[in-house]
């Protein structure tokens, strides 16, 4: 688990609850203004501020910027939106004492910390919680007393018996309660209730033996050699029930296949005769956000998605989008069977070949679907004007995080810019004026940096070298190969056509370099399963058109949704 280090003891802060799930955090937040800081298990232990505001539970990921170690300065900076702080306690103090909103989009203000009532325990320093293998220490040996009734349970058992409680070793960060707590004397409760009550055992760590007799642990730990232990991994040991499995709404984080090294033999392979057209869309699996039969634009799902994106910093969202785009393009995660079937080693090469038609159509649909979803994020804000301006600012910041030199995901950048430049969004004069008034830096970045960059990329003249770019801009080449005519005067369109074909040739040639750059960008990254699913083409298709409408012809679906966005735009700012 990666817990941020700073000059102050984070683990000693009363509002820091350590590793805690979102559901358990929400149960602790009772009134508006309540807040706590937790380590998110789905985000690799990154700090998250959970609070309740206007009756809703909100979660904000704190972005950690690592610095090169130098004497006299912190090793990392922490930020929510703009201002950076040398430590997590400094960030929390600034927002609490100054009553500043955690984000402009929500206006959430925190004032009352939900403290964790720690029992008497060892003093854990932050380096105990650092990322790395779980440290195991045996529990302190308990003094046995023949006068205690509990000793009857150990009759005939040696004091050095390895099956005794002294030999039961486990990670320090996941000490289960083994004392005779009243909770454990009752009938087995549900896992969520029991896991909520677990803390480091005060009975184990006191200098004197507890007043009540100790009991053997009624919880067992699964194998934690592969991933860090958490409280929710404690499985009740119920002898009379076997084969019980815990159902989860979302899958466990998978192994980072995007970090796997590419075989040199695969990189240097020659073209072979293709066997079939290839699709890199992930297979349909049960969604953790949508039901099996969903309707278009379900309000509850939209509310969940809004909170999910607010919880993540634009830099984190950009890496999620880069990962999904690399998989959809066939740059990362290509299996040997897929390589054999398509005859080349990368989707960037397949896009330029005749049998890459299916992949080209999938990428076109992905680009347009992402752009529609981005426009909906703005046009779906029916609240005050500032809410829409904050949504515009969020898209601009995401585009900046995707640009060359940052995440370098140019297909993702093109989709976000497509949303911002969509006629239904660009006509919102009052909203854009509010953006320039309230978020001047974002407005200037959009006008002076992002728009010229996007224009150059569409004309085939933008940056495309591996290094600052992890995934090149493929939309112009895909449209051209699918028969779309190049707009503009004849002489300009011919030059643009030649630049696009020249760029496609270099793109296919440099596919191994792009793969290495993308893998380097994603090294050490652990995605949130829910956010990653929310950025896939299949999920967005079902979200926008429902489970039944998702199967309709592509042109018909996009035409209808464009009309829906037009109606929403007119409702927000009617024509005068």
Protein backbone atom coordinates (compact mmCIF):
# COMPACT_ATOMS: atom_id res chain seq x y z
CA UNK A 1 0.00 0.00 0.00
CA UNK A 2 1.40 3.39 -0.96
CA UNK A 3 0.81 5.90 1.81
CA UNK A 4 2.20 9.37 1.20
CA UNK A 5 5.08 10.40 3.38
CA UNK A 6 5.67 13.92 4.53
CA UNK A 7 7.25 15.76 7.37
CA UNK A 8 4.32 15.09 9.72
CA UNK A 9 3.02 11.81 11.05
CA UNK A 10 0.03 11.02 8.86
CA UNK A 11 -0.83 7.81 10.68
CA UNK A 12 -1.05 9.75 13.94
CA UNK A 13 -3.70 12.18 12.71
CA UNK A 14 -7.11 11.56 14.32
CA UNK A 15 -8.96 12.00 11.01
CA UNK A 16 -6.78 9.44 9.13
CA UNK A 17 -8.48 6.01 9.04
CA UNK A 18 -5.90 4.12 6.98
CA UNK A 19 -7.13 1.58 4.46
CA UNK A 20 -10.91 1.95 4.30
CA UNK A 21 -13.43 1.19 1.56
CA UNK A 22 -15.76 3.80 0.15
CA UNK A 23 -18.86 2.09 1.54
CA UNK A 24 -17.47 1.97 5.08
CA UNK A 25 -16.36 5.58 4.88
CA UNK A 26 -19.83 6.70 3.81
CA UNK A 27 -21.35 4.87 6.78
CA UNK A 28 -19.20 6.97 9.14
CA UNK A 29 -20.22 10.30 7.59
CA UNK A 30 -23.47 11.38 9.24
CA UNK A 31 -23.87 15.15 8.81
CA UNK A 32 -22.92 17.80 6.26
CA UNK A 33 -19.34 18.86 6.90
CA UNK A 34 -18.18 15.51 8.31
CA UNK A 35 -14.97 14.27 6.73
CA UNK A 36 -12.19 11.72 7.04
CA UNK A 37 -9.05 10.81 5.13
CA UNK A 38 -8.55 7.21 4.05
CA UNK A 39 -6.25 5.13 1.89
CA UNK A 40 -8.13 3.83 -1.15
CA UNK A 41 -7.55 0.14 -1.80
CA UNK A 42 -8.71 0.40 -5.42
CA UNK A 43 -6.28 3.27 -6.07
CA UNK A 44 -3.17 1.61 -4.68
CA UNK A 45 -3.45 3.26 -1.28
CA UNK A 46 -3.61 6.86 -2.57
CA UNK A 47 -5.15 9.29 -0.05
CA UNK A 48 -8.81 10.16 -0.53
CA UNK A 49 -10.83 12.76 1.37
CA UNK A 50 -14.36 11.46 1.99
CA UNK A 51 -16.99 13.91 3.17
CA UNK A 52 -20.73 14.46 3.32
CA UNK A 53 -22.15 17.56 1.69
CA UNK A 54 -25.77 18.45 1.01
CA UNK A 55 -26.85 14.96 1.96
CA UNK A 56 -24.49 13.17 -0.44
CA UNK A 57 -21.22 11.37 0.23
CA UNK A 58 -18.37 12.71 -1.91
CA UNK A 59 -14.85 11.37 -2.39
CA UNK A 60 -11.86 13.41 -3.58
CA UNK A 61 -8.57 11.81 -4.53
CA UNK A 62 -5.53 13.81 -3.40
CA UNK A 63 -2.95 14.02 -6.17
CA UNK A 64 0.62 13.33 -5.03
CA UNK A 65 3.45 14.94 -7.00
CA UNK A 66 6.79 13.27 -6.28
CA UNK A 67 9.83 15.57 -6.11
CA UNK A 68 13.48 14.85 -6.55
CA UNK A 69 14.99 14.46 -3.07
CA UNK A 70 16.85 17.58 -1.99
CA UNK A 71 17.87 18.80 1.45
CA UNK A 72 15.43 21.20 3.04
CA UNK A 73 12.39 20.45 0.92
CA UNK A 74 9.63 17.79 1.02
CA UNK A 75 9.79 14.62 -1.04
CA UNK A 76 6.28 15.17 -2.42
CA UNK A 77 3.55 17.78 -2.81
CA UNK A 78 -0.17 17.17 -2.33
CA UNK A 79 -3.00 18.93 -4.13
CA UNK A 80 -6.72 18.73 -4.83
CA UNK A 81 -7.14 21.28 -7.59
CA UNK A 82 -4.63 24.14 -7.84
CA UNK A 83 -2.74 24.84 -4.61
CA UNK A 84 -0.01 22.41 -3.54
CA UNK A 85 0.97 21.56 0.05
CA UNK A 86 4.10 19.96 1.51
CA UNK A 87 2.11 17.40 3.52
CA UNK A 88 -1.34 15.88 3.89
CA UNK A 89 -1.92 17.41 7.35
CA UNK A 90 -1.05 20.84 5.94
CA UNK A 91 -3.58 20.35 3.13
CA UNK A 92 -6.33 19.28 5.52
CA UNK A 93 -5.63 22.18 7.92
CA UNK A 94 -5.82 24.71 5.09
CA UNK A 95 -9.19 23.51 3.82
CA UNK A 96 -10.73 23.03 7.27
CA UNK A 97 -9.58 26.24 8.98
CA UNK A 98 -10.14 28.39 5.89
CA UNK A 99 -13.52 26.74 5.14
CA UNK A 100 -12.51 26.50 1.52
CA UNK A 101 -14.45 24.22 -0.88
CA UNK A 102 -12.64 21.01 -1.77
CA UNK A 103 -13.66 21.53 -5.39
CA UNK A 104 -15.30 24.35 -7.29
CA UNK A 105 -17.68 21.93 -8.97
CA UNK A 106 -19.29 20.70 -5.74
CA UNK A 107 -18.61 23.54 -3.32
CA UNK A 108 -18.17 20.94 -0.57
CA UNK A 109 -16.79 22.41 2.68
CA UNK A 110 -15.48 20.19 5.48
CA UNK A 111 -15.50 21.25 9.11
CA UNK A 112 -15.92 18.24 11.44
CA UNK A 113 -13.36 15.41 11.34
CA UNK A 114 -14.62 11.89 11.96
CA UNK A 115 -11.94 10.61 14.27
CA UNK A 116 -10.84 7.04 14.59
CA UNK A 117 -10.96 5.94 18.21
CA UNK A 118 -7.77 3.94 18.28
CA UNK A 119 -7.43 1.33 21.03
CA UNK A 120 -4.17 0.94 22.91
CA UNK A 121 -1.73 -0.49 20.41
CA UNK A 122 1.80 -0.33 19.20
CA UNK A 123 2.88 2.98 17.72
CA UNK A 124 2.99 2.48 13.98
CA UNK A 125 5.22 4.84 12.04
CA UNK A 126 4.47 5.71 8.44
CA UNK A 127 7.33 3.61 7.16
CA UNK A 128 5.48 0.58 8.54
CA UNK A 129 2.72 1.34 6.05
CA UNK A 130 5.02 1.96 3.09
CA UNK A 131 4.58 0.19 -0.18
CA UNK A 132 6.30 -3.17 -0.31
CA UNK A 133 5.98 -6.71 1.01
CA UNK A 134 3.81 -7.06 4.05
CA UNK A 135 6.00 -7.13 7.14
CA UNK A 136 5.18 -9.98 9.44
CA UNK A 137 5.88 -9.94 13.14
CA UNK A 138 4.79 -12.53 15.66
CA UNK A 139 2.35 -11.31 18.25
CA UNK A 140 3.73 -10.70 21.73
CA UNK A 141 3.86 -13.94 23.66
CA UNK A 142 1.03 -14.11 26.16
CA UNK A 143 1.78 -15.11 29.74
CA UNK A 144 0.02 -18.35 30.49
CA UNK A 145 -1.55 -18.77 33.87
CA UNK A 146 -2.85 -22.12 35.04
CA UNK A 147 -5.31 -20.31 37.25
CA UNK A 148 -7.19 -18.93 34.25
CA UNK A 149 -10.12 -20.93 32.95
CA UNK A 150 -8.81 -20.43 29.42
CA UNK A 151 -5.92 -22.73 30.23
CA UNK A 152 -8.33 -25.65 30.20
CA UNK A 153 -8.49 -25.29 26.43
CA UNK A 154 -4.73 -25.91 26.25
CA UNK A 155 -4.57 -29.04 28.40
CA UNK A 156 -2.07 -31.47 26.94
CA UNK A 157 -0.66 -28.83 24.60
CA UNK A 158 2.96 -27.76 24.84
CA UNK A 159 3.79 -24.12 25.50
CA UNK A 160 6.02 -24.25 22.44
CA UNK A 161 3.36 -25.90 20.30
CA UNK A 162 3.46 -24.19 16.90
CA UNK A 163 -0.31 -24.39 16.67
CA UNK A 164 -0.64 -22.09 19.68
CA UNK A 165 -1.50 -18.46 19.40
CA UNK A 166 2.13 -17.38 19.86
CA UNK A 167 3.05 -18.89 16.50
CA UNK A 168 0.24 -17.15 14.66
CA UNK A 169 2.07 -14.48 12.64
CA UNK A 170 0.40 -12.00 10.33
CA UNK A 171 1.05 -8.58 8.78
CA UNK A 172 1.24 -5.83 11.38
CA UNK A 173 -1.12 -3.67 9.34
CA UNK A 174 -3.85 -6.31 9.47
CA UNK A 175 -3.89 -7.47 13.10
CA UNK A 176 -7.25 -9.16 13.78
CA UNK A 177 -8.91 -8.98 17.15
CA UNK A 178 -8.15 -12.12 19.14
CA UNK A 179 -9.22 -10.97 22.59
CA UNK A 180 -12.57 -11.93 24.01
CA UNK A 181 -14.39 -8.97 22.57
CA UNK A 182 -18.16 -9.17 23.11
CA UNK A 183 -18.68 -8.92 19.34
CA UNK A 184 -16.93 -12.22 18.86
CA UNK A 185 -19.05 -13.94 21.50
CA UNK A 186 -22.21 -13.42 19.49
CA UNK A 187 -23.39 -15.38 16.53
CA UNK A 188 -21.30 -14.78 13.38
CA UNK A 189 -22.32 -11.45 11.90
CA UNK A 190 -22.12 -10.35 8.30
CA UNK A 191 -18.64 -9.73 6.95
CA UNK A 192 -19.19 -5.99 6.50
CA UNK A 193 -20.34 -5.58 10.12
CA UNK A 194 -17.48 -7.61 11.54
CA UNK A 195 -14.81 -6.03 9.34
CA UNK A 196 -16.00 -2.58 10.38
CA UNK A 197 -15.31 -3.35 14.03
CA UNK A 198 -11.80 -4.74 13.55
CA UNK A 199 -8.93 -2.80 15.07
CA UNK A 200 -5.50 -3.72 16.41
CA UNK A 201 -6.06 -5.96 19.39
CA UNK A 202 -5.86 -4.12 22.66
CA UNK A 203 -5.83 -7.46 24.48
CA UNK A 204 -2.74 -8.57 22.57
CA UNK A 205 -0.71 -5.42 23.13
CA UNK A 206 -1.38 -4.47 26.73
CA UNK A 207 1.37 -4.98 29.22
CA UNK A 208 -0.90 -7.01 31.49
CA UNK A 209 -3.09 -9.93 30.59
CA UNK A 210 -6.69 -8.98 29.79
CA UNK A 211 -9.31 -9.40 32.45
CA UNK A 212 -11.27 -11.86 30.35
CA UNK A 213 -9.81 -15.13 29.11
CA UNK A 214 -8.33 -15.06 25.62
CA UNK A 215 -9.85 -17.03 22.81
CA UNK A 216 -8.35 -18.46 19.71
CA UNK A 217 -8.81 -16.31 16.61
CA UNK A 218 -12.17 -16.75 14.97
CA UNK A 219 -10.88 -15.25 11.73
CA UNK A 220 -8.40 -16.57 9.23
CA UNK A 221 -6.35 -14.71 6.67
CA UNK A 222 -6.15 -15.73 3.02
CA UNK A 223 -2.85 -15.84 1.20
CA UNK A 224 -1.54 -12.27 1.06
CA UNK A 225 1.72 -12.94 -0.71
CA UNK A 226 0.54 -11.38 -3.97
CA UNK A 227 -1.27 -8.26 -2.75
CA UNK A 228 -1.30 -6.13 0.40
CA UNK A 229 -3.68 -7.25 3.15
CA UNK A 230 -6.79 -5.31 4.01
CA UNK A 231 -9.37 -5.63 6.76
CA UNK A 232 -12.00 -6.68 4.26
CA UNK A 233 -9.95 -9.76 3.40
CA UNK A 234 -10.68 -11.35 6.78
CA UNK A 235 -12.90 -14.34 6.15
CA UNK A 236 -15.04 -15.69 9.01
CA UNK A 237 -14.17 -19.29 9.83
CA UNK A 238 -17.51 -21.04 10.11
CA UNK A 239 -16.95 -24.80 10.49
CA UNK A 240 -20.52 -25.77 9.66
CA UNK A 241 -20.62 -23.84 6.36
CA UNK A 242 -18.20 -24.70 3.61
CA UNK A 243 -17.72 -23.47 0.09
CA UNK A 244 -19.14 -20.03 0.84
CA UNK A 245 -17.86 -17.32 -1.49
CA UNK A 246 -18.20 -13.59 -1.11
CA UNK A 247 -19.87 -11.81 -4.00
CA UNK A 248 -18.37 -8.51 -5.07
CA UNK A 249 -19.86 -5.79 -7.20
CA UNK A 250 -16.59 -5.18 -9.05
CA UNK A 251 -13.74 -7.52 -9.98
CA UNK A 252 -10.49 -7.48 -8.06
CA UNK A 253 -7.70 -5.40 -9.62
CA UNK A 254 -6.04 -7.53 -12.27
CA UNK A 255 -2.36 -8.11 -12.81
CA UNK A 256 -0.70 -5.20 -14.67
CA UNK A 257 -0.47 -6.88 -18.06
CA UNK A 258 0.41 -3.51 -19.60
CA UNK A 259 3.79 -3.68 -17.83
CA UNK A 260 4.77 -7.00 -19.44
CA UNK A 261 7.92 -6.83 -21.55
CA UNK A 262 7.51 -7.44 -25.27
CA UNK A 263 9.46 -10.35 -26.66
CA UNK A 264 12.24 -9.24 -29.00
CA UNK A 265 11.15 -11.99 -31.37
CA UNK A 266 7.66 -10.50 -31.53
CA UNK A 267 8.98 -6.99 -32.15
CA UNK A 268 11.12 -8.12 -35.08
CA UNK A 269 8.59 -10.45 -36.66
CA UNK A 270 7.75 -10.02 -40.33
CA UNK A 271 4.36 -9.66 -41.92
CA UNK A 272 2.47 -12.94 -42.35
CA UNK A 273 -0.74 -13.68 -44.18
CA UNK A 274 -3.67 -12.54 -42.00
CA UNK A 275 -6.18 -15.15 -40.89
CA UNK A 276 -9.15 -13.01 -39.81
CA UNK A 277 -10.21 -9.48 -38.88
CA UNK A 278 -9.41 -8.65 -35.29
CA UNK A 279 -11.33 -6.75 -32.63
CA UNK A 280 -9.65 -5.48 -29.48
CA UNK A 281 -12.89 -4.66 -27.69
CA UNK A 282 -12.99 -6.52 -24.37
CA UNK A 283 -15.59 -9.29 -24.16
CA UNK A 284 -18.95 -8.52 -22.59
CA UNK A 285 -18.74 -9.12 -18.85
CA UNK A 286 -21.19 -8.27 -16.05
CA UNK A 287 -20.96 -4.56 -15.35
CA UNK A 288 -20.38 -3.26 -11.82
CA UNK A 289 -22.10 0.04 -12.73
CA UNK A 290 -24.96 -1.01 -15.02
CA UNK A 291 -27.59 -3.68 -14.62
CA UNK A 292 -28.09 -6.44 -17.19
CA UNK A 293 -30.95 -4.46 -18.76
CA UNK A 294 -30.50 -0.71 -18.41
CA UNK A 295 -32.31 2.28 -19.87
CA UNK A 296 -30.54 5.21 -21.54
CA UNK A 297 -29.03 7.85 -19.22
CA UNK A 298 -30.20 6.35 -15.94
CA UNK A 299 -30.02 9.17 -13.33
CA UNK A 300 -28.55 6.99 -10.59
CA UNK A 301 -25.73 5.80 -12.85
CA UNK A 302 -25.01 9.36 -14.00
CA UNK A 303 -24.83 10.48 -10.36
CA UNK A 304 -22.41 7.64 -9.55
CA UNK A 305 -20.22 8.50 -12.54
CA UNK A 306 -20.11 12.17 -11.57
CA UNK A 307 -18.87 11.28 -8.10
CA UNK A 308 -16.37 8.82 -9.58
CA UNK A 309 -14.81 11.42 -11.86
CA UNK A 310 -14.79 14.07 -9.12
CA UNK A 311 -12.91 11.62 -6.90
CA UNK A 312 -10.03 11.34 -9.38
CA UNK A 313 -7.57 14.03 -10.34
CA UNK A 314 -7.38 14.84 -14.10
CA UNK A 315 -3.91 13.28 -14.22
CA UNK A 316 -5.28 10.02 -12.84
CA UNK A 317 -8.25 10.06 -15.23
CA UNK A 318 -5.86 10.68 -18.13
CA UNK A 319 -3.87 7.55 -17.26
CA UNK A 320 -7.09 5.51 -17.06
CA UNK A 321 -8.07 6.79 -20.51
CA UNK A 322 -4.59 6.07 -21.89
CA UNK A 323 -4.80 2.48 -20.65
CA UNK A 324 -8.23 1.88 -22.20
CA UNK A 325 -7.23 3.61 -25.48
CA UNK A 326 -4.05 1.53 -25.76
CA UNK A 327 -6.09 -1.63 -25.37
CA UNK A 328 -8.79 -0.50 -27.82
CA UNK A 329 -6.14 0.42 -30.41
CA UNK A 330 -4.23 -2.82 -30.01
CA UNK A 331 -1.04 -1.14 -28.79
CA UNK A 332 -0.90 -2.98 -25.45
CA UNK A 333 -2.35 -6.30 -24.32
CA UNK A 334 -2.25 -8.00 -27.74
CA UNK A 335 -2.12 -11.77 -27.39
CA UNK A 336 -0.05 -14.13 -29.50
CA UNK A 337 -3.22 -15.56 -31.06
CA UNK A 338 -4.34 -12.08 -32.13
CA UNK A 339 -0.91 -11.37 -33.64
CA UNK A 340 -1.04 -14.60 -35.61
CA UNK A 341 -4.55 -13.85 -36.86
CA UNK A 342 -3.87 -10.27 -37.98
CA UNK A 343 -0.39 -10.95 -39.40
CA UNK A 344 1.29 -8.01 -37.63
CA UNK A 345 2.25 -7.29 -34.03
CA UNK A 346 0.33 -4.07 -33.33
CA UNK A 347 -3.02 -2.48 -34.00
CA UNK A 348 -1.23 0.63 -35.31
CA UNK A 349 0.07 -1.52 -38.17
CA UNK A 350 -3.28 -3.23 -38.67
CA UNK A 351 -5.04 0.13 -39.11
CA UNK A 352 -3.13 0.78 -42.35
CA UNK A 353 -4.01 -2.60 -43.92
CA UNK A 354 -7.13 -3.61 -45.86
CA UNK A 355 -8.19 -6.21 -43.28
CA UNK A 356 -8.08 -3.55 -40.53
CA UNK A 357 -11.53 -2.27 -41.52
CA UNK A 358 -13.23 -3.60 -38.40
CA UNK A 359 -10.68 -1.99 -36.10
CA UNK A 360 -10.97 1.34 -37.94
CA UNK A 361 -14.75 1.37 -37.53
CA UNK A 362 -14.44 0.51 -33.84
CA UNK A 363 -12.02 3.38 -33.26
CA UNK A 364 -14.27 5.82 -35.12
CA UNK A 365 -17.21 4.80 -32.95
CA UNK A 366 -15.07 5.09 -29.82
CA UNK A 367 -13.96 8.60 -30.75
CA UNK A 368 -17.51 9.79 -31.42
CA UNK A 369 -18.96 8.05 -28.34
CA UNK A 370 -16.36 9.59 -26.02
CA UNK A 371 -17.05 13.02 -27.50
CA UNK A 372 -20.81 12.62 -26.95
CA UNK A 373 -20.25 11.50 -23.36
CA UNK A 374 -18.01 14.51 -22.72
CA UNK A 375 -20.61 16.89 -24.13
CA UNK A 376 -23.25 15.24 -21.93
CA UNK A 377 -21.10 15.95 -18.86
CA UNK A 378 -21.59 19.67 -19.57
CA UNK A 379 -25.09 19.73 -21.04
CA UNK A 380 -26.42 17.44 -18.31
CA UNK A 381 -25.64 20.03 -15.61
CA UNK A 382 -29.07 21.51 -14.98
CA UNK A 383 -27.97 23.36 -11.84
CA UNK A 384 -26.41 26.82 -11.51
CA UNK A 385 -24.20 28.39 -14.15
CA UNK A 386 -21.06 27.84 -12.07
CA UNK A 387 -21.69 24.07 -12.16
CA UNK A 388 -21.55 24.03 -15.96
CA UNK A 389 -18.46 26.25 -15.95
CA UNK A 390 -16.78 23.84 -13.53
CA UNK A 391 -17.67 20.94 -15.86
CA UNK A 392 -16.04 22.82 -18.76
CA UNK A 393 -12.99 23.43 -16.61
CA UNK A 394 -12.78 19.72 -15.76
CA UNK A 395 -12.75 18.80 -19.46
CA UNK A 396 -10.09 21.42 -20.20
CA UNK A 397 -7.89 20.10 -17.38
CA UNK A 398 -8.37 16.54 -18.63
CA UNK A 399 -7.33 17.65 -22.13
CA UNK A 400 -4.22 19.29 -20.69
CA UNK A 401 -3.39 16.05 -18.85
CA UNK A 402 -3.74 14.10 -22.13
CA UNK A 403 -1.66 16.38 -24.35
CA UNK A 404 1.84 15.54 -25.68
CA UNK A 405 4.45 15.65 -22.96
CA UNK A 406 1.89 14.63 -20.30
CA UNK A 407 0.01 11.34 -20.75
CA UNK A 408 0.47 11.67 -24.52
CA UNK A 409 -2.89 10.06 -25.37
CA UNK A 410 -3.83 11.88 -28.58
CA UNK A 411 -7.01 9.85 -29.36
CA UNK A 412 -8.27 10.68 -25.88
CA UNK A 413 -7.31 14.35 -26.35
CA UNK A 414 -9.15 14.42 -29.68
CA UNK A 415 -12.32 13.01 -28.08
CA UNK A 416 -12.28 15.54 -25.21
CA UNK A 417 -11.65 18.41 -27.60
CA UNK A 418 -14.45 17.08 -29.82
CA UNK A 419 -16.79 17.45 -26.84
CA UNK A 420 -15.63 21.01 -26.09
CA UNK A 421 -15.89 22.06 -29.75
CA UNK A 422 -19.25 20.40 -30.36
CA UNK A 423 -21.79 22.99 -31.58
CA UNK A 424 -24.22 22.20 -28.75
CA UNK A 425 -21.47 23.07 -26.23
CA UNK A 426 -19.69 25.91 -28.01
CA UNK A 427 -22.94 27.89 -28.35
CA UNK A 428 -23.31 28.22 -24.55
CA UNK A 429 -22.12 31.84 -24.42
CA UNK A 430 -23.02 32.46 -20.77
CA UNK A 431 -21.26 29.27 -19.67
CA UNK A 432 -18.05 30.11 -21.54
CA UNK A 433 -18.16 33.66 -20.19
CA UNK A 434 -18.44 32.26 -16.67
CA UNK A 435 -15.48 29.98 -17.39
CA UNK A 436 -13.35 32.98 -18.41
CA UNK A 437 -14.46 34.86 -15.30
CA UNK A 438 -14.07 32.09 -12.70
CA UNK A 439 -11.38 29.86 -14.25
CA UNK A 440 -9.27 32.22 -16.32
CA UNK A 441 -6.23 29.94 -16.58
CA UNK A 442 -8.29 27.06 -17.96
CA UNK A 443 -10.00 29.36 -20.48
CA UNK A 444 -6.65 30.76 -21.68
CA UNK A 445 -5.16 27.27 -21.96
CA UNK A 446 -8.12 26.17 -24.07
CA UNK A 447 -7.92 29.13 -26.46
CA UNK A 448 -4.17 29.58 -26.72
CA UNK A 449 -2.85 26.04 -26.39
CA UNK A 450 -5.43 23.32 -26.91
CA UNK A 451 -7.32 24.68 -29.93
CA UNK A 452 -4.17 25.39 -32.02
CA UNK A 453 -2.76 22.00 -31.01
CA UNK A 454 -5.90 20.17 -32.07
CA UNK A 455 -6.02 22.05 -35.37
CA UNK A 456 -2.43 21.05 -36.13
CA UNK A 457 -3.08 17.41 -35.22
CA UNK A 458 -6.13 17.21 -37.49
CA UNK A 459 -4.04 18.66 -40.34
CA UNK A 460 -1.27 16.12 -39.81
CA UNK A 461 1.23 18.74 -38.66
CA UNK A 462 1.12 18.26 -34.88
CA UNK A 463 3.62 16.47 -32.63
CA UNK A 464 3.76 12.74 -33.25
CA UNK A 465 7.22 11.59 -32.15
CA UNK A 466 7.41 8.66 -29.72
CA UNK A 467 8.51 9.99 -26.39
CA UNK A 468 6.24 12.99 -25.91
CA UNK A 469 3.42 10.98 -27.52
CA UNK A 470 2.40 7.55 -26.20
CA UNK A 471 -0.52 6.95 -28.58
CA UNK A 472 -0.66 8.87 -31.87
CA UNK A 473 -3.66 10.65 -33.38
CA UNK A 474 -5.22 8.01 -35.65
CA UNK A 475 -8.60 9.62 -36.45
CA UNK A 476 -7.53 11.50 -39.68
CA UNK A 477 -5.91 8.39 -41.12
CA UNK A 478 -8.86 6.17 -40.15
CA UNK A 479 -11.38 8.54 -41.75
CA UNK A 480 -9.28 8.77 -44.90
CA UNK A 481 -8.93 5.00 -45.29
CA UNK A 482 -12.67 4.58 -44.72
CA UNK A 483 -13.44 6.81 -47.71
CA UNK A 484 -14.15 10.15 -46.04
CA UNK A 485 -13.16 13.08 -48.26
CA UNK A 486 -10.69 15.69 -47.02
CA UNK A 487 -12.41 19.03 -46.58
CA UNK A 488 -11.03 22.36 -47.80
CA UNK A 489 -9.70 23.81 -51.07
CA UNK A 490 -8.14 21.38 -53.51
CA UNK A 491 -4.51 22.42 -53.02
CA UNK A 492 -4.79 22.42 -49.23
CA UNK A 493 -6.67 19.13 -49.15
CA UNK A 494 -4.00 17.44 -51.29
CA UNK A 495 -1.24 18.59 -48.96
CA UNK A 496 -3.25 17.43 -45.99
CA UNK A 497 -3.87 14.07 -47.67
CA UNK A 498 -0.16 13.55 -48.27
CA UNK A 499 0.72 14.52 -44.69
CA UNK A 500 -1.87 12.08 -43.35
CA UNK A 501 -0.54 9.19 -45.45
CA UNK A 502 3.04 10.04 -44.53
CA UNK A 503 2.07 10.11 -40.86
CA UNK A 504 0.30 6.74 -41.16
CA UNK A 505 3.43 5.18 -42.66
CA UNK A 506 5.60 6.49 -39.82
CA UNK A 507 2.96 5.44 -37.26
CA UNK A 508 3.09 1.82 -38.40
CA UNK A 509 6.89 1.86 -38.53
CA UNK A 510 7.23 3.30 -35.02
CA UNK A 511 4.61 1.05 -33.40
CA UNK A 512 7.21 -0.74 -31.17
CA UNK A 513 8.48 2.64 -29.94
CA UNK A 514 4.98 3.84 -29.11
CA UNK A 515 4.38 0.59 -27.24
CA UNK A 516 7.46 1.12 -25.08
CA UNK A 517 6.52 4.73 -24.33
CA UNK A 518 2.95 3.78 -23.37
CA UNK A 519 4.18 0.98 -21.10
CA UNK A 520 6.61 3.39 -19.47
CA UNK A 521 3.82 5.94 -18.85
CA UNK A 522 1.70 3.25 -17.20
CA UNK A 523 4.46 1.62 -15.17
CA UNK A 524 3.36 1.38 -11.54
CA UNK A 525 -0.17 2.55 -12.39
CA UNK A 526 -3.04 0.66 -10.73
CA UNK A 527 -6.39 1.63 -12.23
CA UNK A 528 -9.71 1.91 -10.45
CA UNK A 529 -11.87 -0.92 -11.90
CA UNK A 530 -15.03 1.23 -11.94
CA UNK A 531 -13.41 4.22 -13.65
CA UNK A 532 -11.68 1.98 -16.15
CA UNK A 533 -14.98 0.33 -17.06
CA UNK A 534 -16.68 3.73 -17.35
CA UNK A 535 -14.22 4.69 -20.12
CA UNK A 536 -14.70 1.61 -22.30
CA UNK A 537 -16.67 1.86 -25.53
CA UNK A 538 -19.12 -0.90 -24.58
CA UNK A 539 -20.06 0.78 -21.30
CA UNK A 540 -20.51 4.22 -22.88
CA UNK A 541 -22.63 2.73 -25.65
CA UNK A 542 -24.99 1.15 -23.11
CA UNK A 543 -24.99 4.29 -20.96
CA UNK A 544 -26.02 6.60 -23.80
CA UNK A 545 -28.44 4.35 -25.67
CA UNK A 546 -29.44 1.65 -23.20
CA UNK A 547 -28.96 -2.09 -23.48
CA UNK A 548 -31.54 -2.34 -26.28
CA UNK A 549 -30.60 0.76 -28.26
CA UNK A 550 -26.88 -0.07 -28.19
CA UNK A 551 -27.42 -2.61 -30.95
CA UNK A 552 -29.02 -0.13 -33.38
CA UNK A 553 -27.11 1.02 -36.49
CA UNK A 554 -24.30 3.40 -35.68
CA UNK A 555 -25.43 6.30 -37.89
CA UNK A 556 -28.97 6.15 -36.49
CA UNK A 557 -27.77 6.13 -32.89
CA UNK A 558 -25.46 9.11 -33.31
CA UNK A 559 -28.05 11.16 -35.19
CA UNK A 560 -30.63 10.67 -32.43
CA UNK A 561 -28.22 11.52 -29.66
CA UNK A 562 -27.08 14.67 -31.44
CA UNK A 563 -30.71 15.79 -31.38
CA UNK A 564 -30.92 14.99 -27.66
CA UNK A 565 -27.87 17.14 -26.99
CA UNK A 566 -29.41 19.93 -29.08
CA UNK A 567 -32.54 19.89 -26.91
CA UNK A 568 -30.47 19.97 -23.70
CA UNK A 569 -28.41 22.87 -25.02
CA UNK A 570 -31.51 24.88 -25.88
CA UNK A 571 -32.98 24.28 -22.44
CA UNK A 572 -29.84 25.57 -20.75
CA UNK A 573 -29.47 28.69 -22.90
CA UNK A 574 -32.42 29.31 -25.26
CA UNK A 575 -31.87 31.30 -28.40
CA UNK A 576 -32.76 34.94 -27.85
